């Protein structure tokens, strides 16, 4: 299984998405916060499973980690 771990995207995902597309056989992405809503964008754009975990800048609301596919 090939896992990519990212964090601190802060709404800047274009370059990340481009780079992940260059990596072969990615099975899952783990987003470690600071703008966990970016996880949804990454998942939709790449069609990959993304698990997100809140970071220190994600303290509003009461979301818990969500798996997206």
N, C-alpha and C. Protein backbone atom coordinates (compact mmCIF):
# COMPACT_ATOMS: atom_id res chain seq x y z
N UNK A 1 0.85 -1.17 0.00
CA UNK A 1 0.00 0.00 0.00
C UNK A 1 0.89 1.24 0.00
N UNK A 2 0.57 2.18 -0.87
CA UNK A 2 1.31 3.42 -0.92
C UNK A 2 0.45 4.52 -0.29
N UNK A 3 0.99 5.13 0.76
CA UNK A 3 0.29 6.15 1.54
C UNK A 3 1.05 7.45 1.41
N UNK A 4 0.33 8.54 1.13
CA UNK A 4 0.92 9.87 1.10
C UNK A 4 0.40 10.63 2.30
N UNK A 5 1.30 11.27 3.04
CA UNK A 5 0.92 12.04 4.21
C UNK A 5 1.23 13.51 3.94
N UNK A 6 0.21 14.36 4.13
CA UNK A 6 0.37 15.80 3.91
C UNK A 6 -0.21 16.56 5.10
N UNK A 7 0.19 17.81 5.23
CA UNK A 7 -0.38 18.67 6.27
C UNK A 7 -0.19 20.13 5.88
N UNK A 8 -0.86 20.98 6.62
CA UNK A 8 -0.69 22.42 6.50
C UNK A 8 -0.89 22.94 5.07
N UNK A 9 -1.92 22.46 4.41
CA UNK A 9 -2.16 22.92 3.04
C UNK A 9 -2.73 24.33 2.99
N UNK A 10 -3.46 24.74 3.99
CA UNK A 10 -3.97 26.11 4.11
C UNK A 10 -4.59 26.63 2.81
N UNK A 11 -5.45 25.81 2.22
CA UNK A 11 -6.21 26.16 1.00
C UNK A 11 -5.34 26.27 -0.25
N UNK A 12 -4.11 25.80 -0.19
CA UNK A 12 -3.22 25.84 -1.36
C UNK A 12 -2.97 24.39 -1.79
N UNK A 13 -3.85 23.85 -2.60
CA UNK A 13 -3.76 22.44 -2.96
C UNK A 13 -3.38 22.18 -4.41
N UNK A 14 -3.37 23.18 -5.25
CA UNK A 14 -3.12 22.96 -6.68
C UNK A 14 -1.78 22.27 -6.93
N UNK A 15 -0.71 22.79 -6.35
CA UNK A 15 0.60 22.19 -6.53
C UNK A 15 0.68 20.79 -5.97
N UNK A 16 0.05 20.59 -4.83
CA UNK A 16 0.02 19.27 -4.20
C UNK A 16 -0.69 18.26 -5.08
N UNK A 17 -1.85 18.65 -5.59
CA UNK A 17 -2.61 17.76 -6.46
C UNK A 17 -1.78 17.39 -7.70
N UNK A 18 -1.13 18.38 -8.28
CA UNK A 18 -0.28 18.13 -9.45
C UNK A 18 0.82 17.13 -9.11
N UNK A 19 1.46 17.31 -7.96
CA UNK A 19 2.57 16.42 -7.57
C UNK A 19 2.08 15.00 -7.28
N UNK A 20 0.94 14.89 -6.60
CA UNK A 20 0.41 13.55 -6.29
C UNK A 20 0.07 12.81 -7.58
N UNK A 21 -0.43 13.51 -8.58
CA UNK A 21 -0.74 12.87 -9.87
C UNK A 21 0.49 12.26 -10.51
N UNK A 22 1.66 12.79 -10.20
CA UNK A 22 2.91 12.28 -10.77
C UNK A 22 3.39 11.00 -10.07
N UNK A 23 2.83 10.70 -8.92
CA UNK A 23 3.25 9.54 -8.14
C UNK A 23 2.37 8.34 -8.51
N UNK A 24 2.96 7.25 -8.85
CA UNK A 24 2.20 6.06 -9.28
C UNK A 24 1.68 5.26 -8.10
N UNK A 25 0.54 4.64 -8.31
CA UNK A 25 -0.04 3.66 -7.39
C UNK A 25 -0.31 4.19 -5.98
N UNK A 26 -0.82 5.40 -5.87
CA UNK A 26 -1.18 5.94 -4.56
C UNK A 26 -2.49 5.30 -4.12
N UNK A 27 -2.50 4.70 -2.95
CA UNK A 27 -3.69 4.04 -2.44
C UNK A 27 -4.52 4.94 -1.52
N UNK A 28 -3.85 5.78 -0.75
CA UNK A 28 -4.57 6.58 0.24
C UNK A 28 -3.74 7.81 0.58
N UNK A 29 -4.45 8.87 0.98
CA UNK A 29 -3.81 10.10 1.41
C UNK A 29 -4.29 10.40 2.83
N UNK A 30 -3.34 10.75 3.69
CA UNK A 30 -3.65 11.15 5.05
C UNK A 30 -3.36 12.64 5.17
N UNK A 31 -4.39 13.43 5.47
CA UNK A 31 -4.23 14.88 5.61
C UNK A 31 -4.24 15.21 7.10
N UNK A 32 -3.12 15.72 7.60
CA UNK A 32 -2.96 15.95 9.03
C UNK A 32 -3.33 17.35 9.48
N UNK A 33 -4.24 17.95 8.79
CA UNK A 33 -4.81 19.18 9.30
C UNK A 33 -4.19 20.47 8.81
N UNK A 34 -4.74 21.45 9.40
CA UNK A 34 -4.65 22.84 9.00
C UNK A 34 -5.25 22.97 7.60
N UNK A 35 -6.51 23.11 7.70
CA UNK A 35 -7.47 23.22 6.60
C UNK A 35 -7.89 21.84 6.12
N UNK A 36 -8.52 21.08 7.04
CA UNK A 36 -8.98 19.74 6.69
C UNK A 36 -10.01 19.77 5.57
N UNK A 37 -10.65 20.91 5.34
CA UNK A 37 -11.59 20.95 4.20
C UNK A 37 -10.85 20.75 2.88
N UNK A 38 -9.55 20.99 2.87
CA UNK A 38 -8.76 20.70 1.67
C UNK A 38 -8.79 19.21 1.34
N UNK A 39 -8.98 18.37 2.35
CA UNK A 39 -9.03 16.93 2.13
C UNK A 39 -10.15 16.57 1.16
N UNK A 40 -11.28 17.24 1.28
CA UNK A 40 -12.40 16.99 0.38
C UNK A 40 -12.04 17.37 -1.05
N UNK A 41 -11.40 18.51 -1.21
CA UNK A 41 -10.97 18.96 -2.55
C UNK A 41 -9.99 17.96 -3.15
N UNK A 42 -9.02 17.54 -2.37
CA UNK A 42 -8.02 16.59 -2.84
C UNK A 42 -8.69 15.28 -3.25
N UNK A 43 -9.59 14.78 -2.43
CA UNK A 43 -10.29 13.53 -2.72
C UNK A 43 -11.09 13.62 -4.02
N UNK A 44 -11.84 14.70 -4.16
CA UNK A 44 -12.66 14.87 -5.37
C UNK A 44 -11.81 14.99 -6.62
N UNK A 45 -10.75 15.75 -6.53
CA UNK A 45 -9.93 16.00 -7.71
C UNK A 45 -9.11 14.78 -8.13
N UNK A 46 -8.70 13.97 -7.15
CA UNK A 46 -7.85 12.83 -7.47
C UNK A 46 -8.61 11.50 -7.49
N UNK A 47 -9.82 11.48 -6.94
CA UNK A 47 -10.55 10.23 -6.86
C UNK A 47 -9.87 9.23 -5.94
N UNK A 48 -9.21 9.74 -4.91
CA UNK A 48 -8.48 8.89 -3.96
C UNK A 48 -9.12 8.96 -2.59
N UNK A 49 -8.89 7.93 -1.80
CA UNK A 49 -9.35 7.92 -0.42
C UNK A 49 -8.48 8.87 0.39
N UNK A 50 -9.12 9.77 1.15
CA UNK A 50 -8.41 10.73 1.99
C UNK A 50 -8.97 10.65 3.40
N UNK A 51 -8.09 10.48 4.36
CA UNK A 51 -8.48 10.53 5.76
C UNK A 51 -7.93 11.83 6.31
N UNK A 52 -8.78 12.59 7.02
CA UNK A 52 -8.31 13.86 7.56
C UNK A 52 -8.37 13.88 9.08
N UNK A 53 -7.47 14.64 9.66
CA UNK A 53 -7.37 14.84 11.10
C UNK A 53 -7.21 16.33 11.32
N UNK A 54 -7.97 16.88 12.27
CA UNK A 54 -7.88 18.32 12.55
C UNK A 54 -6.48 18.72 13.00
N UNK A 55 -6.08 19.91 12.54
CA UNK A 55 -4.84 20.52 13.01
C UNK A 55 -5.16 21.67 13.94
N UNK A 56 -4.15 22.37 14.38
CA UNK A 56 -4.36 23.46 15.34
C UNK A 56 -5.14 24.63 14.75
N UNK A 57 -5.21 24.76 13.44
CA UNK A 57 -6.00 25.84 12.81
C UNK A 57 -7.40 25.38 12.43
N UNK A 58 -7.77 24.17 12.80
CA UNK A 58 -9.08 23.60 12.47
C UNK A 58 -9.95 23.46 13.71
N UNK A 59 -9.84 24.37 14.63
CA UNK A 59 -10.49 24.21 15.92
C UNK A 59 -11.95 24.65 15.95
N UNK A 60 -12.45 25.26 14.91
CA UNK A 60 -13.86 25.66 14.91
C UNK A 60 -14.73 24.49 14.53
N UNK A 61 -15.94 24.46 15.05
CA UNK A 61 -16.85 23.36 14.76
C UNK A 61 -16.49 22.13 15.57
N UNK A 62 -17.29 21.10 15.43
CA UNK A 62 -17.02 19.89 16.19
C UNK A 62 -16.88 18.68 15.28
N UNK A 63 -16.24 18.88 14.13
CA UNK A 63 -16.02 17.77 13.20
C UNK A 63 -15.06 16.77 13.81
N UNK A 64 -15.28 15.54 13.49
CA UNK A 64 -14.34 14.48 13.83
C UNK A 64 -13.71 14.01 12.53
N UNK A 65 -12.60 13.32 12.59
CA UNK A 65 -11.98 12.85 11.34
C UNK A 65 -12.97 12.06 10.49
N UNK A 66 -12.90 12.30 9.20
CA UNK A 66 -13.83 11.68 8.25
C UNK A 66 -13.02 11.03 7.14
N UNK A 67 -13.44 9.87 6.71
CA UNK A 67 -12.85 9.21 5.56
C UNK A 67 -13.67 9.59 4.34
N UNK A 68 -12.99 10.01 3.29
CA UNK A 68 -13.68 10.40 2.06
C UNK A 68 -13.22 9.50 0.94
N UNK A 69 -14.13 9.18 0.03
CA UNK A 69 -13.78 8.43 -1.18
C UNK A 69 -14.67 8.90 -2.30
